[in-house]
Amino acid sequence: MLVLHPSVSLRPERFGALAYSFDTRKLSFLKHPDLVRVVEALDGVQTVDDVLGSSGVDPSRWPSFRRALGTLVASQMLVAGGERAA
């Protein structure tokens, strides 16, 4: 159960979006609109699988989405739902 870190802003782009952290000054490229839709849908309540399913992502693509989300967690762009208020 993940959410976008409160210090991260998404800027829509033709290819997807840019994610910028005002805390770490890191910039990440979300290279597909489907990934942007998934990241925006993460609410800290639903599981990643629930969000992938409700976002219409084909299950055959879920492993690549999980890897991308893992990278965003490692770079502190996404955090566990309970960490949002911290």
PDB file of N, CA and C in Angstrom:
ATOM      1  N   MET A   1       0.843  -1.165   0.000  1.00  0.00           N
ATOM      2  CA  MET A   1       0.000   0.000   0.000  1.00  0.00           C
ATOM      3  C   MET A   1       0.890   1.231   0.000  1.00  0.00           C
ATOM      4  N   LEU A   2       0.931   1.880  -1.129  1.00  0.00           N
ATOM      5  CA  LEU A   2       1.856   2.978  -1.363  1.00  0.00           C
ATOM      6  C   LEU A   2       1.116   4.263  -1.694  1.00  0.00           C
ATOM      7  N   VAL A   3       1.825   5.383  -1.510  1.00  0.00           N
ATOM      8  CA  VAL A   3       1.337   6.694  -1.934  1.00  0.00           C
ATOM      9  C   VAL A   3       2.524   7.489  -2.461  1.00  0.00           C
ATOM     10  N   LEU A   4       2.228   8.494  -3.236  1.00  0.00           N
ATOM     11  CA  LEU A   4       3.247   9.433  -3.671  1.00  0.00           C
ATOM     12  C   LEU A   4       3.728  10.200  -2.438  1.00  0.00           C
ATOM     13  N   HIS A   5       5.036  10.315  -2.288  1.00  0.00           N
ATOM     14  CA  HIS A   5       5.583  11.056  -1.151  1.00  0.00           C
ATOM     15  C   HIS A   5       5.029  12.481  -1.196  1.00  0.00           C
ATOM     16  N   PRO A   6       4.691  13.064  -0.037  1.00  0.00           N
ATOM     17  CA  PRO A   6       4.091  14.404  -0.039  1.00  0.00           C
ATOM     18  C   PRO A   6       4.977  15.487  -0.653  1.00  0.00           C
ATOM     19  N   SER A   7       6.285  15.266  -0.696  1.00  0.00           N
ATOM     20  CA  SER A   7       7.175  16.283  -1.267  1.00  0.00           C
ATOM     21  C   SER A   7       7.415  16.076  -2.760  1.00  0.00           C
ATOM     22  N   VAL A   8       6.720  15.104  -3.355  1.00  0.00           N
ATOM     23  CA  VAL A   8       6.917  14.800  -4.778  1.00  0.00           C
ATOM     24  C   VAL A   8       5.774  15.382  -5.595  1.00  0.00           C
ATOM     25  N   SER A   9       6.150  15.991  -6.689  1.00  0.00           N
ATOM     26  CA  SER A   9       5.173  16.572  -7.609  1.00  0.00           C
ATOM     27  C   SER A   9       5.303  15.876  -8.962  1.00  0.00           C
ATOM     28  N   LEU A  10       4.163  15.590  -9.578  1.00  0.00           N
ATOM     29  CA  LEU A  10       4.148  15.011 -10.925  1.00  0.00           C
ATOM     30  C   LEU A  10       3.816  16.102 -11.929  1.00  0.00           C
ATOM     31  N   ARG A  11       4.601  16.163 -13.002  1.00  0.00           N
ATOM     32  CA  ARG A  11       4.314  17.096 -14.086  1.00  0.00           C
ATOM     33  C   ARG A  11       4.014  16.291 -15.338  1.00  0.00           C
ATOM     34  N   PRO A  12       2.798  16.395 -15.847  1.00  0.00           N
ATOM     35  CA  PRO A  12       2.442  15.639 -17.058  1.00  0.00           C
ATOM     36  C   PRO A  12       3.319  16.037 -18.246  1.00  0.00           C
ATOM     37  N   GLU A  13       3.681  15.041 -19.026  1.00  0.00           N
ATOM     38  CA  GLU A  13       4.453  15.232 -20.257  1.00  0.00           C
ATOM     39  C   GLU A  13       3.856  14.332 -21.328  1.00  0.00           C
ATOM     40  N   ARG A  14       4.220  14.553 -22.588  1.00  0.00           N
ATOM     41  CA  ARG A  14       3.711  13.718 -23.682  1.00  0.00           C
ATOM     42  C   ARG A  14       4.016  12.241 -23.475  1.00  0.00           C
ATOM     43  N   PHE A  15       5.192  11.955 -22.958  1.00  0.00           N
ATOM     44  CA  PHE A  15       5.628  10.563 -22.785  1.00  0.00           C
ATOM     45  C   PHE A  15       5.068   9.926 -21.523  1.00  0.00           C
ATOM     46  N   GLY A  16       4.571  10.716 -20.591  1.00  0.00           N
ATOM     47  CA  GLY A  16       4.085  10.219 -19.302  1.00  0.00           C
ATOM     48  C   GLY A  16       4.098  11.343 -18.285  1.00  0.00           C
ATOM     49  N   ALA A  17       5.175  11.398 -17.477  1.00  0.00           N
ATOM     50  CA  ALA A  17       5.283  12.477 -16.485  1.00  0.00           C
ATOM     51  C   ALA A  17       6.700  12.540 -15.930  1.00  0.00           C
ATOM     52  N   LEU A  18       7.009  13.683 -15.352  1.00  0.00           N
ATOM     53  CA  LEU A  18       8.219  13.853 -14.567  1.00  0.00           C
ATOM     54  C   LEU A  18       7.807  13.876 -13.105  1.00  0.00           C
ATOM     55  N   ALA A  19       8.549  13.167 -12.281  1.00  0.00           N
ATOM     56  CA  ALA A  19       8.326  13.195 -10.837  1.00  0.00           C
ATOM     57  C   ALA A  19       9.525  13.902 -10.215  1.00  0.00           C
ATOM     58  N   TYR A  20       9.255  14.950  -9.449  1.00  0.00           N
ATOM     59  CA  TYR A  20      10.328  15.718  -8.820  1.00  0.00           C
ATOM     60  C   TYR A  20      10.121  15.742  -7.314  1.00  0.00           C
ATOM     61  N   SER A  21      11.175  15.402  -6.581  1.00  0.00           N
ATOM     62  CA  SER A  21      11.128  15.451  -5.123  1.00  0.00           C
ATOM     63  C   SER A  21      11.749  16.759  -4.650  1.00  0.00           C
ATOM     64  N   PHE A  22      10.966  17.556  -3.945  1.00  0.00           N
ATOM     65  CA  PHE A  22      11.472  18.806  -3.406  1.00  0.00           C
ATOM     66  C   PHE A  22      12.373  18.572  -2.198  1.00  0.00           C
ATOM     67  N   ASP A  23      12.310  17.379  -1.584  1.00  0.00           N
ATOM     68  CA  ASP A  23      13.192  17.045  -0.464  1.00  0.00           C
ATOM     69  C   ASP A  23      14.572  16.621  -0.944  1.00  0.00           C
ATOM     70  N   THR A  24      14.605  15.673  -1.872  1.00  0.00           N
ATOM     71  CA  THR A  24      15.882  15.097  -2.309  1.00  0.00           C
ATOM     72  C   THR A  24      16.406  15.711  -3.598  1.00  0.00           C
ATOM     73  N   ARG A  25      15.565  16.487  -4.275  1.00  0.00           N
ATOM     74  CA  ARG A  25      15.875  17.101  -5.569  1.00  0.00           C
ATOM     75  C   ARG A  25      16.117  16.066  -6.665  1.00  0.00           C
ATOM     76  N   LYS A  26      15.587  14.874  -6.462  1.00  0.00           N
ATOM     77  CA  LYS A  26      15.687  13.829  -7.483  1.00  0.00           C
ATOM     78  C   LYS A  26      14.586  14.020  -8.509  1.00  0.00           C
ATOM     79  N   LEU A  27      14.910  13.652  -9.735  1.00  0.00           N
ATOM     80  CA  LEU A  27      13.966  13.715 -10.836  1.00  0.00           C
ATOM     81  C   LEU A  27      13.845  12.316 -11.425  1.00  0.00           C
ATOM     82  N   SER A  28      12.624  11.852 -11.608  1.00  0.00           N
ATOM     83  CA  SER A  28      12.381  10.544 -12.222  1.00  0.00           C
ATOM     84  C   SER A  28      11.443  10.717 -13.398  1.00  0.00           C
ATOM     85  N   PHE A  29      11.676   9.924 -14.420  1.00  0.00           N
ATOM     86  CA  PHE A  29      10.824   9.927 -15.601  1.00  0.00           C
ATOM     87  C   PHE A  29       9.855   8.757 -15.514  1.00  0.00           C
ATOM     88  N   LEU A  30       8.580   9.037 -15.588  1.00  0.00           N
ATOM     89  CA  LEU A  30       7.558   7.995 -15.698  1.00  0.00           C
ATOM     90  C   LEU A  30       7.253   7.917 -17.184  1.00  0.00           C
ATOM     91  N   LYS A  31       7.758   6.878 -17.831  1.00  0.00           N
ATOM     92  CA  LYS A  31       7.841   6.846 -19.287  1.00  0.00           C
ATOM     93  C   LYS A  31       6.620   6.315 -20.008  1.00  0.00           C
ATOM     94  N   HIS A  32       5.503   6.169 -19.307  1.00  0.00           N
ATOM     95  CA  HIS A  32       4.286   5.708 -19.983  1.00  0.00           C
ATOM     96  C   HIS A  32       3.068   6.246 -19.242  1.00  0.00           C
ATOM     97  N   PRO A  33       2.068   6.716 -19.967  1.00  0.00           N
ATOM     98  CA  PRO A  33       0.853   7.219 -19.313  1.00  0.00           C
ATOM     99  C   PRO A  33       0.185   6.192 -18.392  1.00  0.00           C
ATOM    100  N   ASP A  34       0.305   4.903 -18.715  1.00  0.00           N
ATOM    101  CA  ASP A  34      -0.275   3.874 -17.839  1.00  0.00           C
ATOM    102  C   ASP A  34       0.390   3.883 -16.466  1.00  0.00           C
ATOM    103  N   LEU A  35       1.700   4.072 -16.439  1.00  0.00           N
ATOM    104  CA  LEU A  35       2.415   4.124 -15.162  1.00  0.00           C
ATOM    105  C   LEU A  35       1.992   5.362 -14.373  1.00  0.00           C
ATOM    106  N   VAL A  36       1.818   6.468 -15.056  1.00  0.00           N
ATOM    107  CA  VAL A  36       1.355   7.688 -14.392  1.00  0.00           C
ATOM    108  C   VAL A  36      -0.017   7.452 -13.766  1.00  0.00           C
ATOM    109  N   ARG A  37      -0.900   6.829 -14.513  1.00  0.00           N
ATOM    110  CA  ARG A  37      -2.247   6.546 -14.010  1.00  0.00           C
ATOM    111  C   ARG A  37      -2.183   5.674 -12.749  1.00  0.00           C
ATOM    112  N   VAL A  38      -1.303   4.678 -12.761  1.00  0.00           N
ATOM    113  CA  VAL A  38      -1.152   3.803 -11.590  1.00  0.00           C
ATOM    114  C   VAL A  38      -0.606   4.590 -10.399  1.00  0.00           C
ATOM    115  N   VAL A  39       0.436   5.372 -10.612  1.00  0.00           N
ATOM    116  CA  VAL A  39       1.028   6.150  -9.517  1.00  0.00           C
ATOM    117  C   VAL A  39       0.003   7.121  -8.934  1.00  0.00           C
ATOM    118  N   GLU A  40      -0.769   7.768  -9.782  1.00  0.00           N
ATOM    119  CA  GLU A  40      -1.786   8.704  -9.297  1.00  0.00           C
ATOM    120  C   GLU A  40      -2.899   7.993  -8.531  1.00  0.00           C
ATOM    121  N   ALA A  41      -3.136   6.731  -8.844  1.00  0.00           N
ATOM    122  CA  ALA A  41      -4.207   5.974  -8.183  1.00  0.00           C
ATOM    123  C   ALA A  41      -3.774   5.368  -6.851  1.00  0.00           C
ATOM    124  N   LEU A  42      -2.474   5.326  -6.589  1.00  0.00           N
ATOM    125  CA  LEU A  42      -2.001   4.772  -5.319  1.00  0.00           C
ATOM    126  C   LEU A  42      -2.505   5.661  -4.187  1.00  0.00           C
ATOM    127  N   ASP A  43      -3.270   5.071  -3.279  1.00  0.00           N
ATOM    128  CA  ASP A  43      -3.921   5.861  -2.233  1.00  0.00           C
ATOM    129  C   ASP A  43      -3.532   5.443  -0.815  1.00  0.00           C
ATOM    130  N   GLY A  44      -2.610   4.494  -0.692  1.00  0.00           N
ATOM    131  CA  GLY A  44      -2.206   4.037   0.631  1.00  0.00           C
ATOM    132  C   GLY A  44      -3.176   3.073   1.275  1.00  0.00           C
ATOM    133  N   VAL A  45      -4.278   2.784   0.608  1.00  0.00           N
ATOM    134  CA  VAL A  45      -5.292   1.870   1.130  1.00  0.00           C
ATOM    135  C   VAL A  45      -5.340   0.605   0.284  1.00  0.00           C
ATOM    136  N   GLN A  46      -5.413   0.779  -1.017  1.00  0.00           N
ATOM    137  CA  GLN A  46      -5.463  -0.367  -1.931  1.00  0.00           C
ATOM    138  C   GLN A  46      -4.065  -0.973  -2.090  1.00  0.00           C
ATOM    139  N   THR A  47      -4.020  -2.270  -2.351  1.00  0.00           N
ATOM    140  CA  THR A  47      -2.746  -2.908  -2.660  1.00  0.00           C
ATOM    141  C   THR A  47      -2.326  -2.514  -4.072  1.00  0.00           C
ATOM    142  N   VAL A  48      -1.061  -2.727  -4.367  1.00  0.00           N
ATOM    143  CA  VAL A  48      -0.564  -2.453  -5.715  1.00  0.00           C
ATOM    144  C   VAL A  48      -1.340  -3.278  -6.731  1.00  0.00           C
ATOM    145  N   ASP A  49      -1.589  -4.552  -6.434  1.00  0.00           N
ATOM    146  CA  ASP A  49      -2.351  -5.393  -7.367  1.00  0.00           C
ATOM    147  C   ASP A  49      -3.757  -4.848  -7.595  1.00  0.00           C
ATOM    148  N   ASP A  50      -4.398  -4.358  -6.541  1.00  0.00           N
ATOM    149  CA  ASP A  50      -5.731  -3.763  -6.694  1.00  0.00           C
ATOM    150  C   ASP A  50      -5.684  -2.558  -7.627  1.00  0.00           C
ATOM    151  N   VAL A  51      -4.673  -1.718  -7.449  1.00  0.00           N
ATOM    152  CA  VAL A  51      -4.544  -0.523  -8.289  1.00  0.00           C
ATOM    153  C   VAL A  51      -4.236  -0.914  -9.729  1.00  0.00           C
ATOM    154  N   LEU A  52      -3.352  -1.885  -9.920  1.00  0.00           N
ATOM    155  CA  LEU A  52      -3.043  -2.329 -11.281  1.00  0.00           C
ATOM    156  C   LEU A  52      -4.296  -2.851 -11.969  1.00  0.00           C
ATOM    157  N   GLY A  53      -5.071  -3.647 -11.253  1.00  0.00           N
ATOM    158  CA  GLY A  53      -6.299  -4.196 -11.827  1.00  0.00           C
ATOM    159  C   GLY A  53      -7.321  -3.127 -12.144  1.00  0.00           C
ATOM    160  N   SER A  54      -7.533  -2.206 -11.213  1.00  0.00           N
ATOM    161  CA  SER A  54      -8.548  -1.169 -11.431  1.00  0.00           C
ATOM    162  C   SER A  54      -8.100  -0.127 -12.449  1.00  0.00           C
ATOM    163  N   SER A  55      -6.798  -0.060 -12.723  1.00  0.00           N
ATOM    164  CA  SER A  55      -6.283   0.884 -13.719  1.00  0.00           C
ATOM    165  C   SER A  55      -6.303   0.306 -15.124  1.00  0.00           C
ATOM    166  N   GLY A  56      -6.713  -0.952 -15.240  1.00  0.00           N
ATOM    167  CA  GLY A  56      -6.820  -1.568 -16.556  1.00  0.00           C
ATOM    168  C   GLY A  56      -5.510  -2.060 -17.138  1.00  0.00           C
ATOM    169  N   VAL A  57      -4.500  -2.232 -16.297  1.00  0.00           N
ATOM    170  CA  VAL A  57      -3.212  -2.738 -16.769  1.00  0.00           C
ATOM    171  C   VAL A  57      -3.329  -4.241 -16.988  1.00  0.00           C
ATOM    172  N   ASP A  58      -2.934  -4.694 -18.168  1.00  0.00           N
ATOM    173  CA  ASP A  58      -2.975  -6.121 -18.487  1.00  0.00           C
ATOM    174  C   ASP A  58      -2.074  -6.882 -17.510  1.00  0.00           C
ATOM    175  N   PRO A  59      -2.556  -7.972 -16.928  1.00  0.00           N
ATOM    176  CA  PRO A  59      -1.751  -8.733 -15.959  1.00  0.00           C
ATOM    177  C   PRO A  59      -0.380  -9.162 -16.485  1.00  0.00           C
ATOM    178  N   SER A  60      -0.233  -9.338 -17.779  1.00  0.00           N
ATOM    179  CA  SER A  60       1.076  -9.716 -18.326  1.00  0.00           C
ATOM    180  C   SER A  60       2.107  -8.594 -18.153  1.00  0.00           C
ATOM    181  N   ARG A  61       1.650  -7.363 -17.916  1.00  0.00           N
ATOM    182  CA  ARG A  61       2.545  -6.217 -17.734  1.00  0.00           C
ATOM    183  C   ARG A  61       2.830  -5.918 -16.266  1.00  0.00           C
ATOM    184  N   TRP A  62       2.131  -6.601 -15.354  1.00  0.00           N
ATOM    185  CA  TRP A  62       2.288  -6.313 -13.933  1.00  0.00           C
ATOM    186  C   TRP A  62       3.724  -6.437 -13.434  1.00  0.00           C
ATOM    187  N   PRO A  63       4.502  -7.451 -13.849  1.00  0.00           N
ATOM    188  CA  PRO A  63       5.882  -7.527 -13.350  1.00  0.00           C
ATOM    189  C   PRO A  63       6.710  -6.278 -13.674  1.00  0.00           C
ATOM    190  N   SER A  64       6.554  -5.727 -14.864  1.00  0.00           N
ATOM    191  CA  SER A  64       7.319  -4.524 -15.204  1.00  0.00           C
ATOM    192  C   SER A  64       6.831  -3.322 -14.400  1.00  0.00           C
ATOM    193  N   PHE A  65       5.537  -3.263 -14.123  1.00  0.00           N
ATOM    194  CA  PHE A  65       5.013  -2.173 -13.301  1.00  0.00           C
ATOM    195  C   PHE A  65       5.515  -2.308 -11.867  1.00  0.00           C
ATOM    196  N   ARG A  66       5.559  -3.530 -11.349  1.00  0.00           N
ATOM    197  CA  ARG A  66       6.070  -3.738  -9.987  1.00  0.00           C
ATOM    198  C   ARG A  66       7.538  -3.310  -9.890  1.00  0.00           C
ATOM    199  N   ARG A  67       8.323  -3.624 -10.927  1.00  0.00           N
ATOM    200  CA  ARG A  67       9.732  -3.196 -10.934  1.00  0.00           C
ATOM    201  C   ARG A  67       9.825  -1.669 -10.937  1.00  0.00           C
ATOM    202  N   ALA A  68       9.023  -1.025 -11.781  1.00  0.00           N
ATOM    203  CA  ALA A  68       9.042   0.442 -11.850  1.00  0.00           C
ATOM    204  C   ALA A  68       8.632   1.056 -10.513  1.00  0.00           C
ATOM    205  N   LEU A  69       7.598   0.508  -9.895  1.00  0.00           N
ATOM    206  CA  LEU A  69       7.158   1.019  -8.596  1.00  0.00           C
ATOM    207  C   LEU A  69       8.227   0.781  -7.532  1.00  0.00           C
ATOM    208  N   GLY A  70       8.910  -0.361  -7.601  1.00  0.00           N
ATOM    209  CA  GLY A  70      10.009  -0.639  -6.673  1.00  0.00           C
ATOM    210  C   GLY A  70      11.131   0.374  -6.807  1.00  0.00           C
ATOM    211  N   THR A  71      11.426   0.766  -8.036  1.00  0.00           N
ATOM    212  CA  THR A  71      12.440   1.791  -8.272  1.00  0.00           C
ATOM    213  C   THR A  71      12.001   3.122  -7.672  1.00  0.00           C
ATOM    214  N   LEU A  72      10.721   3.448  -7.810  1.00  0.00           N
ATOM    215  CA  LEU A  72      10.209   4.697  -7.235  1.00  0.00           C
ATOM    216  C   LEU A  72      10.227   4.658  -5.707  1.00  0.00           C
ATOM    217  N   VAL A  73      10.018   3.489  -5.113  1.00  0.00           N
ATOM    218  CA  VAL A  73      10.132   3.346  -3.658  1.00  0.00           C
ATOM    219  C   VAL A  73      11.592   3.534  -3.246  1.00  0.00           C
ATOM    220  N   ALA A  74      12.511   2.892  -3.961  1.00  0.00           N
ATOM    221  CA  ALA A  74      13.936   2.990  -3.630  1.00  0.00           C
ATOM    222  C   ALA A  74      14.444   4.428  -3.718  1.00  0.00           C
ATOM    223  N   SER A  75      13.866   5.208  -4.619  1.00  0.00           N
ATOM    224  CA  SER A  75      14.284   6.605  -4.770  1.00  0.00           C
ATOM    225  C   SER A  75      13.443   7.559  -3.921  1.00  0.00           C
ATOM    226  N   GLN A  76      12.598   7.011  -3.052  1.00  0.00           N
ATOM    227  CA  GLN A  76      11.769   7.762  -2.105  1.00  0.00           C
ATOM    228  C   GLN A  76      10.718   8.639  -2.783  1.00  0.00           C
ATOM    229  N   MET A  77      10.342   8.290  -4.003  1.00  0.00           N
ATOM    230  CA  MET A  77       9.242   8.988  -4.675  1.00  0.00           C
ATOM    231  C   MET A  77       7.901   8.453  -4.167  1.00  0.00           C
ATOM    232  N   LEU A  78       7.880   7.162  -3.829  1.00  0.00           N
ATOM    233  CA  LEU A  78       6.704   6.520  -3.246  1.00  0.00           C
ATOM    234  C   LEU A  78       7.064   6.049  -1.846  1.00  0.00           C
ATOM    235  N   VAL A  79       6.091   6.101  -0.943  1.00  0.00           N
ATOM    236  CA  VAL A  79       6.301   5.639   0.431  1.00  0.00           C
ATOM    237  C   VAL A  79       5.106   4.799   0.857  1.00  0.00           C
ATOM    238  N   ALA A  80       5.290   4.059   1.933  1.00  0.00           N
ATOM    239  CA  ALA A  80       4.174   3.290   2.488  1.00  0.00           C
ATOM    240  C   ALA A  80       3.075   4.261   2.901  1.00  0.00           C
ATOM    241  N   GLY A  81       1.824   3.839   2.772  1.00  0.00           N
ATOM    242  CA  GLY A  81       0.682   4.704   3.049  1.00  0.00           C
ATOM    243  C   GLY A  81       0.738   5.409   4.388  1.00  0.00           C
ATOM    244  N   GLY A  82       1.179   4.716   5.425  1.00  0.00           N
ATOM    245  CA  GLY A  82       1.248   5.308   6.754  1.00  0.00           C
ATOM    246  C   GLY A  82       2.313   6.368   6.907  1.00  0.00           C
ATOM    247  N   GLU A  83       3.269   6.419   5.979  1.00  0.00           N
ATOM    248  CA  GLU A  83       4.350   7.392   6.066  1.00  0.00           C
ATOM    249  C   GLU A  83       3.969   8.745   5.485  1.00  0.00           C
ATOM    250  N   ARG A  84       2.834   8.827   4.816  1.00  0.00           N
ATOM    251  CA  ARG A  84       2.448  10.069   4.136  1.00  0.00           C
ATOM    252  C   ARG A  84       2.354  11.250   5.098  1.00  0.00           C
ATOM    253  N   ALA A  85       1.813  11.018   6.281  1.00  0.00           N
ATOM    254  CA  ALA A  85       1.625  12.114   7.231  1.00  0.00           C
ATOM    255  C   ALA A  85       2.917  12.515   7.928  1.00  0.00           C
ATOM    256  N   ALA A  86       3.946  11.692   7.814  1.00  0.00           N
ATOM    257  CA  ALA A  86       5.204  11.967   8.513  1.00  0.00           C
ATOM    258  C   ALA A  86       5.934  13.159   7.928  1.00  0.00           C
TER     259      ALA A  86
END
